Structure formats: C-alpha cells, structure tokens
Amino acid sequence: MKIRLEVIKDVREICQQHKDEPSPLIVILEEVQKKYGYVPVELQEVISEETGVPAAEIYGVVTFYSFFSLTPKGKYVIHVCLGTACYVKNAQAVLDKLCTILGIKPGETTEDGLFTIEAVRCMGACALAPAVSVNGKVFPRVQATQVDKIIKEFRDQEGK
C-alpha cells in the first residue's frame, strides 16, 4: 500500500512530539490509531525510524493489543460479547445473524466501509446479556430477531 507523504509527515510529527518521554511507543501508536483508524505496517516502519524501536517490536505491540488494528475499521464498529454470560444467552446466534446480514465475518469490514464486526470475550455488561455495542453504544439483551433493526438504525443515519 502506498502511504501519502502528508500522512508520513504527520506520523513523524506525532513521534517528535513524544520523543522526550520515557516510553512513548503506546502513546504514539494510540495517536496514529485515533487519527487514521489503524496502524498499517508502513506507518509502523516510519515510527521505527523515528523512535529507534525495531519494527518487529512495534508490530508485536500492535498485534498484541486488541485496540490496535492493522487494517481500517468501519465507521461503525460492532462488538458482540461472547463472554460466558452472553454466550449462554445465545450471543452466538446474534453474531451469526450480524454476519449474515452484513455479509462479513468477525474481524472484517463491509465493502462500503460502514461496518466492522468484532467478537469480544467480555464487555463487562454481564447483567445485560447478551450485549452488543456499536461505537460504544450498548444494546442490552439483544436477540437475533433484533439485529435487522439495529443495523437499520445506523444505515438510516447514512441515508442508505
């Protein structure tokens, strides 16, 4: 993938802003993730050049922490909790229905860039099981029959 020169310049500036901090890597990665929605390998190499941290180590950090992504995420990131409380209340059926409606698997993004589905192990909303969140908005006690309505809510916001 070809990264635009202005993006590389921005990432270099982010690195320079944190160069005097004792352990700036996570902060730099968070800022890049927030600004661009993901941290591709090409930008990890720029960060490596600027910080002196080996690219392999940066890649290890990005792939270890679930809040970093190597690929762009959709405008609406859907988290389906598959923790024990949600799972026993049929969260898998909710996840399956989402995948069917959107035509993607967990970890993928729709072609229009609107939706990403992520299966998570626990959202800390066990009393609301099965729980689904979209960009932080929690939908409690979701049943597979409600998934169409949830997706429609966000598609309507886009006029689609």
C-alpha atoms as a PDB file:
ATOM      1  CA  MET A   1       0.000   0.000   0.000  1.00  0.00           C
ATOM      2  CA  LYS A   2       1.217   3.484  -0.825  1.00  0.00           C
ATOM      3  CA  ILE A   3       1.012   5.911   2.083  1.00  0.00           C
ATOM      4  CA  ARG A   4       0.630   9.574   1.173  1.00  0.00           C
ATOM      5  CA  LEU A   5       3.562  11.846   2.009  1.00  0.00           C
ATOM      6  CA  GLU A   6       1.425  14.106   4.226  1.00  0.00           C
ATOM      7  CA  VAL A   7       0.444  11.081   6.335  1.00  0.00           C
ATOM      8  CA  ILE A   8       4.107  10.125   6.779  1.00  0.00           C
ATOM      9  CA  LYS A   9       4.877  13.730   7.729  1.00  0.00           C
ATOM     10  CA  ASP A  10       2.038  13.712  10.299  1.00  0.00           C
ATOM     11  CA  VAL A  11       3.286  10.461  11.839  1.00  0.00           C
ATOM     12  CA  ARG A  12       6.822  11.855  12.054  1.00  0.00           C
ATOM     13  CA  GLU A  13       5.410  14.920  13.841  1.00  0.00           C
ATOM     14  CA  ILE A  14       3.498  12.718  16.297  1.00  0.00           C
ATOM     15  CA  CYS A  15       6.729  10.849  17.043  1.00  0.00           C
ATOM     16  CA  GLN A  16       8.636  14.106  17.550  1.00  0.00           C
ATOM     17  CA  GLN A  17       6.002  15.387  19.974  1.00  0.00           C
ATOM     18  CA  HIS A  18       6.715  12.412  22.253  1.00  0.00           C
ATOM     19  CA  LYS A  19      10.464  11.927  21.702  1.00  0.00           C
ATOM     20  CA  ASP A  20      11.437  13.088  25.198  1.00  0.00           C
ATOM     21  CA  GLU A  21       9.015  10.797  27.022  1.00  0.00           C
ATOM     22  CA  PRO A  22      10.484   7.714  28.717  1.00  0.00           C
ATOM     23  CA  SER A  23       8.280   5.141  26.894  1.00  0.00           C
ATOM     24  CA  PRO A  24       6.397   6.871  24.096  1.00  0.00           C
ATOM     25  CA  LEU A  25       5.530   3.917  21.858  1.00  0.00           C
ATOM     26  CA  ILE A  26       1.997   3.201  23.123  1.00  0.00           C
ATOM     27  CA  VAL A  27       1.104   6.906  23.117  1.00  0.00           C
ATOM     28  CA  ILE A  28       2.381   7.295  19.547  1.00  0.00           C
ATOM     29  CA  LEU A  29       0.500   4.214  18.376  1.00  0.00           C
ATOM     30  CA  GLU A  30      -2.689   5.410  20.086  1.00  0.00           C
ATOM     31  CA  GLU A  31      -2.453   8.800  18.362  1.00  0.00           C
ATOM     32  CA  VAL A  32      -1.841   7.225  14.955  1.00  0.00           C
ATOM     33  CA  GLN A  33      -4.720   4.772  15.508  1.00  0.00           C
ATOM     34  CA  LYS A  34      -7.042   7.592  16.576  1.00  0.00           C
ATOM     35  CA  LYS A  35      -6.109   9.811  13.632  1.00  0.00           C
ATOM     36  CA  TYR A  36      -6.118   7.201  10.848  1.00  0.00           C
ATOM     37  CA  GLY A  37      -8.257   4.402  12.283  1.00  0.00           C
ATOM     38  CA  TYR A  38      -5.479   1.809  12.066  1.00  0.00           C
ATOM     39  CA  VAL A  39      -1.692   1.356  12.204  1.00  0.00           C
ATOM     40  CA  PRO A  40      -0.524  -0.241   8.956  1.00  0.00           C
ATOM     41  CA  VAL A  41       2.922  -1.829   8.679  1.00  0.00           C
ATOM     42  CA  GLU A  42       4.101   1.064   6.503  1.00  0.00           C
ATOM     43  CA  LEU A  43       3.436   3.554   9.318  1.00  0.00           C
ATOM     44  CA  GLN A  44       4.999   1.199  11.857  1.00  0.00           C
ATOM     45  CA  GLU A  45       8.209   1.450   9.797  1.00  0.00           C
ATOM     46  CA  VAL A  46       8.051   5.266   9.969  1.00  0.00           C
ATOM     47  CA  ILE A  47       7.554   5.057  13.738  1.00  0.00           C
ATOM     48  CA  SER A  48      10.525   2.692  13.944  1.00  0.00           C
ATOM     49  CA  GLU A  49      12.743   5.141  12.050  1.00  0.00           C
ATOM     50  CA  GLU A  50      11.696   7.999  14.303  1.00  0.00           C
ATOM     51  CA  THR A  51      11.891   6.217  17.649  1.00  0.00           C
ATOM     52  CA  GLY A  52      14.657   3.691  17.100  1.00  0.00           C
ATOM     53  CA  VAL A  53      12.319   0.901  18.269  1.00  0.00           C
ATOM     54  CA  PRO A  54      12.699  -2.109  15.948  1.00  0.00           C
ATOM     55  CA  ALA A  55       9.807  -2.536  13.508  1.00  0.00           C
ATOM     56  CA  ALA A  56       9.331  -6.141  14.678  1.00  0.00           C
ATOM     57  CA  GLU A  57       8.813  -4.931  18.251  1.00  0.00           C
ATOM     58  CA  ILE A  58       6.279  -2.329  17.116  1.00  0.00           C
ATOM     59  CA  TYR A  59       4.437  -4.983  15.103  1.00  0.00           C
ATOM     60  CA  GLY A  60       4.395  -7.178  18.201  1.00  0.00           C
ATOM     61  CA  VAL A  61       2.797  -4.411  20.251  1.00  0.00           C
ATOM     62  CA  VAL A  62       0.199  -3.607  17.572  1.00  0.00           C
ATOM     63  CA  THR A  63      -0.813  -7.256  17.182  1.00  0.00           C
ATOM     64  CA  PHE A  64      -0.783  -7.962  20.937  1.00  0.00           C
ATOM     65  CA  TYR A  65      -3.223  -5.248  21.994  1.00  0.00           C
ATOM     66  CA  SER A  66      -6.744  -5.674  20.621  1.00  0.00           C
ATOM     67  CA  PHE A  67      -7.408  -1.937  20.468  1.00  0.00           C
ATOM     68  CA  PHE A  68      -4.852  -1.539  17.680  1.00  0.00           C
ATOM     69  CA  SER A  69      -5.688  -2.620  14.148  1.00  0.00           C
ATOM     70  CA  LEU A  70      -3.569  -3.402  11.088  1.00  0.00           C
ATOM     71  CA  THR A  71      -6.492  -2.739   8.751  1.00  0.00           C
ATOM     72  CA  PRO A  72      -9.035   0.072   8.522  1.00  0.00           C
ATOM     73  CA  LYS A  73     -12.195  -0.415  10.537  1.00  0.00           C
ATOM     74  CA  GLY A  74     -15.674   0.591   9.523  1.00  0.00           C
ATOM     75  CA  LYS A  75     -17.375   3.774  10.606  1.00  0.00           C
ATOM     76  CA  TYR A  76     -19.474   1.628  12.931  1.00  0.00           C
ATOM     77  CA  VAL A  77     -17.566  -0.990  14.918  1.00  0.00           C
ATOM     78  CA  ILE A  78     -19.924  -3.624  16.261  1.00  0.00           C
ATOM     79  CA  HIS A  79     -18.735  -5.569  19.303  1.00  0.00           C
ATOM     80  CA  VAL A  80     -20.619  -8.756  20.090  1.00  0.00           C
ATOM     81  CA  CYS A  81     -19.846 -10.097  23.535  1.00  0.00           C
ATOM     82  CA  LEU A  82     -19.163 -13.826  23.630  1.00  0.00           C
ATOM     83  CA  GLY A  83     -18.239 -13.924  27.313  1.00  0.00           C
ATOM     84  CA  THR A  84     -19.840 -16.658  29.385  1.00  0.00           C
ATOM     85  CA  ALA A  85     -22.975 -14.750  30.444  1.00  0.00           C
ATOM     86  CA  CYS A  86     -23.660 -13.552  26.905  1.00  0.00           C
ATOM     87  CA  TYR A  87     -22.755 -16.841  25.279  1.00  0.00           C
ATOM     88  CA  VAL A  88     -25.190 -18.866  27.385  1.00  0.00           C
ATOM     89  CA  LYS A  89     -27.927 -16.388  26.462  1.00  0.00           C
ATOM     90  CA  ASN A  90     -27.408 -17.056  22.737  1.00  0.00           C
ATOM     91  CA  ALA A  91     -24.920 -14.361  21.729  1.00  0.00           C
ATOM     92  CA  GLN A  92     -23.544 -16.685  19.039  1.00  0.00           C
ATOM     93  CA  ALA A  93     -26.903 -16.526  17.229  1.00  0.00           C
ATOM     94  CA  VAL A  94     -26.721 -12.714  17.364  1.00  0.00           C
ATOM     95  CA  LEU A  95     -23.197 -12.773  15.923  1.00  0.00           C
ATOM     96  CA  ASP A  96     -24.235 -15.237  13.213  1.00  0.00           C
ATOM     97  CA  LYS A  97     -27.199 -13.046  12.226  1.00  0.00           C
ATOM     98  CA  LEU A  98     -24.983  -9.943  12.015  1.00  0.00           C
ATOM     99  CA  CYS A  99     -22.528 -11.810   9.805  1.00  0.00           C
ATOM    100  CA  THR A 100     -25.336 -12.981   7.534  1.00  0.00           C
ATOM    101  CA  ILE A 101     -26.940  -9.548   7.205  1.00  0.00           C
ATOM    102  CA  LEU A 102     -23.663  -7.719   6.582  1.00  0.00           C
ATOM    103  CA  GLY A 103     -22.018 -10.465   4.542  1.00  0.00           C
ATOM    104  CA  ILE A 104     -18.793 -10.423   6.558  1.00  0.00           C
ATOM    105  CA  LYS A 105     -17.089 -12.467   9.264  1.00  0.00           C
ATOM    106  CA  PRO A 106     -15.800 -11.242  12.637  1.00  0.00           C
ATOM    107  CA  GLY A 107     -12.736  -9.073  12.097  1.00  0.00           C
ATOM    108  CA  GLU A 108     -13.890  -7.961   8.650  1.00  0.00           C
ATOM    109  CA  THR A 109     -15.303  -4.693   7.326  1.00  0.00           C
ATOM    110  CA  THR A 110     -18.124  -4.270   4.812  1.00  0.00           C
ATOM    111  CA  GLU A 111     -17.112  -3.146   1.322  1.00  0.00           C
ATOM    112  CA  ASP A 112     -18.819   0.212   1.821  1.00  0.00           C
ATOM    113  CA  GLY A 113     -16.617   0.834   4.884  1.00  0.00           C
ATOM    114  CA  LEU A 114     -19.585   1.265   7.190  1.00  0.00           C
ATOM    115  CA  PHE A 115     -19.458  -1.779   9.473  1.00  0.00           C
ATOM    116  CA  THR A 116     -16.819  -3.884  11.191  1.00  0.00           C
ATOM    117  CA  ILE A 117     -17.829  -6.858  13.331  1.00  0.00           C
ATOM    118  CA  GLU A 118     -15.676  -7.900  16.271  1.00  0.00           C
ATOM    119  CA  ALA A 119     -16.344 -10.794  18.612  1.00  0.00           C
ATOM    120  CA  VAL A 120     -15.100  -9.856  22.090  1.00  0.00           C
ATOM    121  CA  ARG A 121     -14.635 -12.020  25.162  1.00  0.00           C
ATOM    122  CA  CYS A 122     -16.251  -9.706  27.702  1.00  0.00           C
ATOM    123  CA  MET A 123     -17.708  -6.210  27.619  1.00  0.00           C
ATOM    124  CA  GLY A 124     -18.314  -6.023  31.346  1.00  0.00           C
ATOM    125  CA  ALA A 125     -22.057  -5.859  30.743  1.00  0.00           C
ATOM    126  CA  CYS A 126     -22.963  -9.318  32.021  1.00  0.00           C
ATOM    127  CA  ALA A 127     -26.261  -8.157  33.559  1.00  0.00           C
ATOM    128  CA  LEU A 128     -27.303  -7.001  30.074  1.00  0.00           C
ATOM    129  CA  ALA A 129     -26.502 -10.314  28.364  1.00  0.00           C
ATOM    130  CA  PRO A 130     -26.355 -10.822  25.512  1.00  0.00           C
ATOM    131  CA  ALA A 131     -24.795  -7.413  24.920  1.00  0.00           C
ATOM    132  CA  VAL A 132     -23.805  -5.741  21.669  1.00  0.00           C
ATOM    133  CA  SER A 133     -22.180  -2.341  21.320  1.00  0.00           C
ATOM    134  CA  VAL A 134     -21.829  -0.105  18.302  1.00  0.00           C
ATOM    135  CA  ASN A 135     -19.167   2.582  18.711  1.00  0.00           C
ATOM    136  CA  GLY A 136     -19.668   2.344  22.465  1.00  0.00           C
ATOM    137  CA  LYS A 137     -23.480   2.490  22.448  1.00  0.00           C
ATOM    138  CA  VAL A 138     -24.600  -0.646  24.300  1.00  0.00           C
ATOM    139  CA  PHE A 139     -27.637  -2.603  23.173  1.00  0.00           C
ATOM    140  CA  PRO A 140     -28.842  -4.824  26.052  1.00  0.00           C
ATOM    141  CA  ARG A 141     -30.426  -8.280  25.882  1.00  0.00           C
ATOM    142  CA  VAL A 142     -30.119  -8.456  22.102  1.00  0.00           C
ATOM    143  CA  GLN A 143     -31.868 -11.287  20.317  1.00  0.00           C
ATOM    144  CA  ALA A 144     -31.079 -12.392  16.758  1.00  0.00           C
ATOM    145  CA  THR A 145     -34.507 -11.111  15.696  1.00  0.00           C
ATOM    146  CA  GLN A 146     -33.461  -7.552  16.703  1.00  0.00           C
ATOM    147  CA  VAL A 147     -30.291  -7.408  14.625  1.00  0.00           C
ATOM    148  CA  ASP A 148     -32.032  -6.096  11.476  1.00  0.00           C
ATOM    149  CA  LYS A 149     -33.410  -3.150  13.460  1.00  0.00           C
ATOM    150  CA  ILE A 150     -30.001  -2.297  14.940  1.00  0.00           C
ATOM    151  CA  ILE A 151     -28.306  -2.316  11.532  1.00  0.00           C
ATOM    152  CA  LYS A 152     -31.161  -0.281  10.040  1.00  0.00           C
ATOM    153  CA  GLU A 153     -30.696   2.385  12.721  1.00  0.00           C
ATOM    154  CA  PHE A 154     -27.135   3.004  11.571  1.00  0.00           C
ATOM    155  CA  ARG A 155     -27.857   2.646   7.859  1.00  0.00           C
ATOM    156  CA  ASP A 156     -30.634   5.253   8.256  1.00  0.00           C
ATOM    157  CA  GLN A 157     -28.076   7.658   9.717  1.00  0.00           C
ATOM    158  CA  GLU A 158     -26.132   7.265   6.470  1.00  0.00           C
ATOM    159  CA  GLY A 159     -29.194   7.620   4.269  1.00  0.00           C
ATOM    160  CA  LYS A 160     -28.630   4.095   2.869  1.00  0.00           C
END
